[in-house]
Amino acid sequence: MSPIRLLNLAILPALAELSRCGIPDTMDARRFMLAIALQESGLAHRRQVVGDTESGPAASFWQFEQGGGCKGVLNHYLVASTMRNLCVDFNIEATPAGLWEAMRYHDIVAAIAARLLLYTLPSKLATTAADGWAQYTAAWRPGRPHPDKWQSCWDVATLTTGAK
């Protein structure tokens, strides 16, 4: 999937849903969500690649695991009610397994979960690549981080979203 396509088909609709819940749609959120999807999956896989197959424990372009991000957004005091209500709205079982399964095929729901995970961070969204890296690693806790890829992901996301 191309970055502009993910932005238009998943990120913008997800942010529109969340704005109705009081979480604003901002250029910084758009850029950050796109940068993370580029970092996590390269927009090439909705399921984590292990060896030569998409059989890993993480799902969606944002690579959520059932016991990690899925459980987190369904239980964190700042976002749990929003995530659970949106699961109901999208006819998704509001459990880590139900959310994980939906995220494999429903990019808007995956984008909603990604934005809600970022919303749990204590500080404002990053506006620089360096701060973005720190926030990304704090929220996603990647097992094998690739800091060498981050700047290019941030740059593509900045160009795609028009963020400054």
Protein backbone atom coordinates (compact mmCIF):
# COMPACT_ATOMS: atom_id res chain seq x y z
CA MET A 1 0.00 0.00 0.00
CA SER A 2 1.26 3.49 -0.68
CA PRO A 3 1.60 6.04 2.12
CA ILE A 4 -0.99 8.38 0.61
CA ARG A 5 -3.44 5.51 0.22
CA LEU A 6 -3.06 4.46 3.88
CA LEU A 7 -3.46 8.08 4.93
CA ASN A 8 -6.66 8.53 2.90
CA LEU A 9 -8.28 5.14 3.44
CA ALA A 10 -7.39 4.42 7.06
CA ILE A 11 -5.71 7.21 9.01
CA LEU A 12 -8.04 10.06 8.07
CA PRO A 13 -11.24 8.04 8.65
CA ALA A 14 -9.85 6.78 11.98
CA LEU A 15 -9.03 10.30 13.10
CA ALA A 16 -12.50 11.44 12.04
CA GLU A 17 -14.02 8.73 14.26
CA LEU A 18 -11.80 9.74 17.16
CA SER A 19 -12.51 13.45 16.76
CA ARG A 20 -16.15 12.64 17.52
CA CYS A 21 -14.84 11.14 20.78
CA GLY A 22 -12.87 14.27 21.69
CA ILE A 23 -9.45 13.24 20.37
CA PRO A 24 -8.45 15.85 17.80
CA ASP A 25 -7.27 15.17 14.27
CA THR A 26 -3.94 16.97 13.89
CA MET A 27 -1.19 17.00 11.31
CA ASP A 28 1.21 15.75 13.98
CA ALA A 29 -1.04 12.74 14.65
CA ARG A 30 -1.33 12.00 10.93
CA ARG A 31 2.44 12.14 10.44
CA PHE A 32 3.22 10.09 13.53
CA MET A 33 0.71 7.36 12.72
CA LEU A 34 1.99 7.08 9.16
CA ALA A 35 5.63 7.06 10.28
CA ILE A 36 4.94 4.23 12.72
CA ALA A 37 3.13 2.15 10.09
CA LEU A 38 6.06 2.67 7.72
CA GLN A 39 8.51 1.70 10.48
CA GLU A 40 6.58 -1.35 11.64
CA SER A 41 5.45 -2.93 8.37
CA GLY A 42 6.76 -0.86 5.48
CA LEU A 43 3.06 -0.88 4.46
CA ALA A 44 3.76 -4.28 2.95
CA HIS A 45 2.35 -6.68 5.55
CA ARG A 46 -0.75 -6.78 7.71
CA ARG A 47 0.73 -9.71 9.62
CA GLN A 48 4.20 -9.96 11.08
CA VAL A 49 6.66 -11.77 8.85
CA VAL A 50 8.54 -14.64 10.47
CA GLY A 51 11.00 -16.35 8.19
CA ASP A 52 9.32 -16.25 4.81
CA THR A 53 5.70 -16.26 5.96
CA GLU A 54 3.23 -13.85 7.52
CA SER A 55 2.74 -15.95 10.63
CA GLY A 56 4.03 -13.80 13.48
CA PRO A 57 2.08 -12.63 16.51
CA ALA A 58 1.63 -9.02 15.33
CA ALA A 59 -1.20 -7.79 13.08
CA SER A 60 -2.00 -4.69 10.99
CA PHE A 61 0.33 -2.18 9.40
CA TRP A 62 1.01 -1.01 12.99
CA GLN A 63 1.92 -4.55 14.14
CA PHE A 64 -0.17 -4.94 17.29
CA GLU A 65 0.08 -8.09 19.38
CA GLN A 66 -2.87 -9.45 21.35
CA GLY A 67 -1.12 -9.25 24.70
CA GLY A 68 0.59 -5.95 23.91
CA GLY A 69 -1.07 -3.11 22.05
CA CYS A 70 -4.49 -4.78 21.76
CA LYS A 71 -4.68 -5.46 25.47
CA GLY A 72 -3.24 -2.04 26.18
CA VAL A 73 -5.83 0.03 24.31
CA LEU A 74 -8.66 -2.07 25.69
CA ASN A 75 -7.50 -1.60 29.29
CA HIS A 76 -5.68 1.73 29.61
CA TYR A 77 -7.72 4.13 31.75
CA LEU A 78 -7.40 7.00 29.23
CA VAL A 79 -8.64 5.11 26.17
CA ALA A 80 -10.34 1.85 27.19
CA SER A 81 -13.90 3.16 27.04
CA THR A 82 -13.28 4.81 23.66
CA MET A 83 -11.72 1.66 22.20
CA ARG A 84 -14.44 -0.57 23.59
CA ASN A 85 -17.21 1.72 22.31
CA LEU A 86 -15.65 1.84 18.86
CA CYS A 87 -15.33 -1.95 18.86
CA VAL A 88 -19.09 -2.10 19.42
CA ASP A 89 -19.65 0.47 16.64
CA PHE A 90 -17.59 -1.65 14.23
CA ASN A 91 -19.13 -4.98 15.37
CA ILE A 92 -15.87 -6.21 16.86
CA GLU A 93 -15.58 -8.26 20.02
CA ALA A 94 -13.91 -5.94 22.56
CA THR A 95 -11.27 -8.45 23.62
CA PRO A 96 -7.59 -8.57 22.72
CA ALA A 97 -8.27 -11.57 20.44
CA GLY A 98 -11.30 -9.92 18.82
CA LEU A 99 -9.49 -6.65 18.21
CA TRP A 100 -6.38 -8.42 16.91
CA GLU A 101 -8.44 -10.45 14.45
CA ALA A 102 -10.26 -7.36 13.20
CA MET A 103 -7.03 -5.39 12.82
CA ARG A 104 -5.72 -7.98 10.39
CA TYR A 105 -8.29 -6.88 7.83
CA HIS A 106 -9.79 -3.58 8.98
CA ASP A 107 -7.26 -0.77 8.52
CA ILE A 108 -9.51 1.92 10.05
CA VAL A 109 -9.87 -0.05 13.27
CA ALA A 110 -6.11 -0.66 13.29
CA ALA A 111 -5.47 3.06 12.82
CA ILE A 112 -7.90 3.88 15.65
CA ALA A 113 -6.00 1.53 17.96
CA ALA A 114 -2.65 3.03 16.89
CA ARG A 115 -3.83 6.58 17.62
CA LEU A 116 -5.26 5.52 20.97
CA LEU A 117 -1.99 3.87 21.93
CA LEU A 118 -0.21 7.15 21.16
CA TYR A 119 -2.83 8.99 23.19
CA THR A 120 -1.74 7.08 26.29
CA LEU A 121 1.67 8.77 26.20
CA PRO A 122 2.08 11.41 28.92
CA SER A 123 3.45 14.17 26.67
CA LYS A 124 2.23 15.95 23.56
CA LEU A 125 2.82 14.23 20.24
CA ALA A 126 6.31 14.58 18.84
CA THR A 127 7.04 17.20 16.21
CA THR A 128 10.59 16.10 15.43
CA ALA A 129 12.00 12.80 14.26
CA ALA A 130 14.15 12.43 17.39
CA ASP A 131 11.24 13.01 19.75
CA GLY A 132 9.11 10.77 17.55
CA TRP A 133 11.59 7.94 17.92
CA ALA A 134 11.56 8.28 21.70
CA GLN A 135 7.75 8.27 21.82
CA TYR A 136 7.45 5.44 19.32
CA THR A 137 9.78 3.19 21.30
CA ALA A 138 8.00 4.09 24.55
CA ALA A 139 4.58 3.18 23.15
CA TRP A 140 5.40 0.25 20.82
CA ARG A 141 8.32 -1.22 22.74
CA PRO A 142 9.75 -2.90 19.65
CA GLY A 143 11.61 -6.12 20.33
CA ARG A 144 14.12 -5.39 17.60
CA PRO A 145 14.15 -1.65 17.03
CA HIS A 146 15.60 -0.30 13.80
CA PRO A 147 16.59 3.30 14.52
CA ASP A 148 18.39 3.50 11.17
CA LYS A 149 15.00 3.34 9.35
CA TRP A 150 13.15 5.89 11.47
CA GLN A 151 14.35 9.13 9.86
CA SER A 152 13.31 8.01 6.38
CA CYS A 153 9.91 6.86 7.69
CA TRP A 154 9.44 10.22 9.41
CA ASP A 155 10.47 12.08 6.24
CA VAL A 156 8.06 10.13 4.02
CA ALA A 157 5.27 10.70 6.53
CA THR A 158 6.08 14.42 6.68
CA LEU A 159 5.99 14.74 2.89
CA THR A 160 2.83 12.65 2.56
CA THR A 161 0.85 14.50 5.22
CA GLY A 162 2.20 17.97 4.53
CA ALA A 163 3.17 18.33 8.20
CA LYS A 164 5.78 20.94 9.00
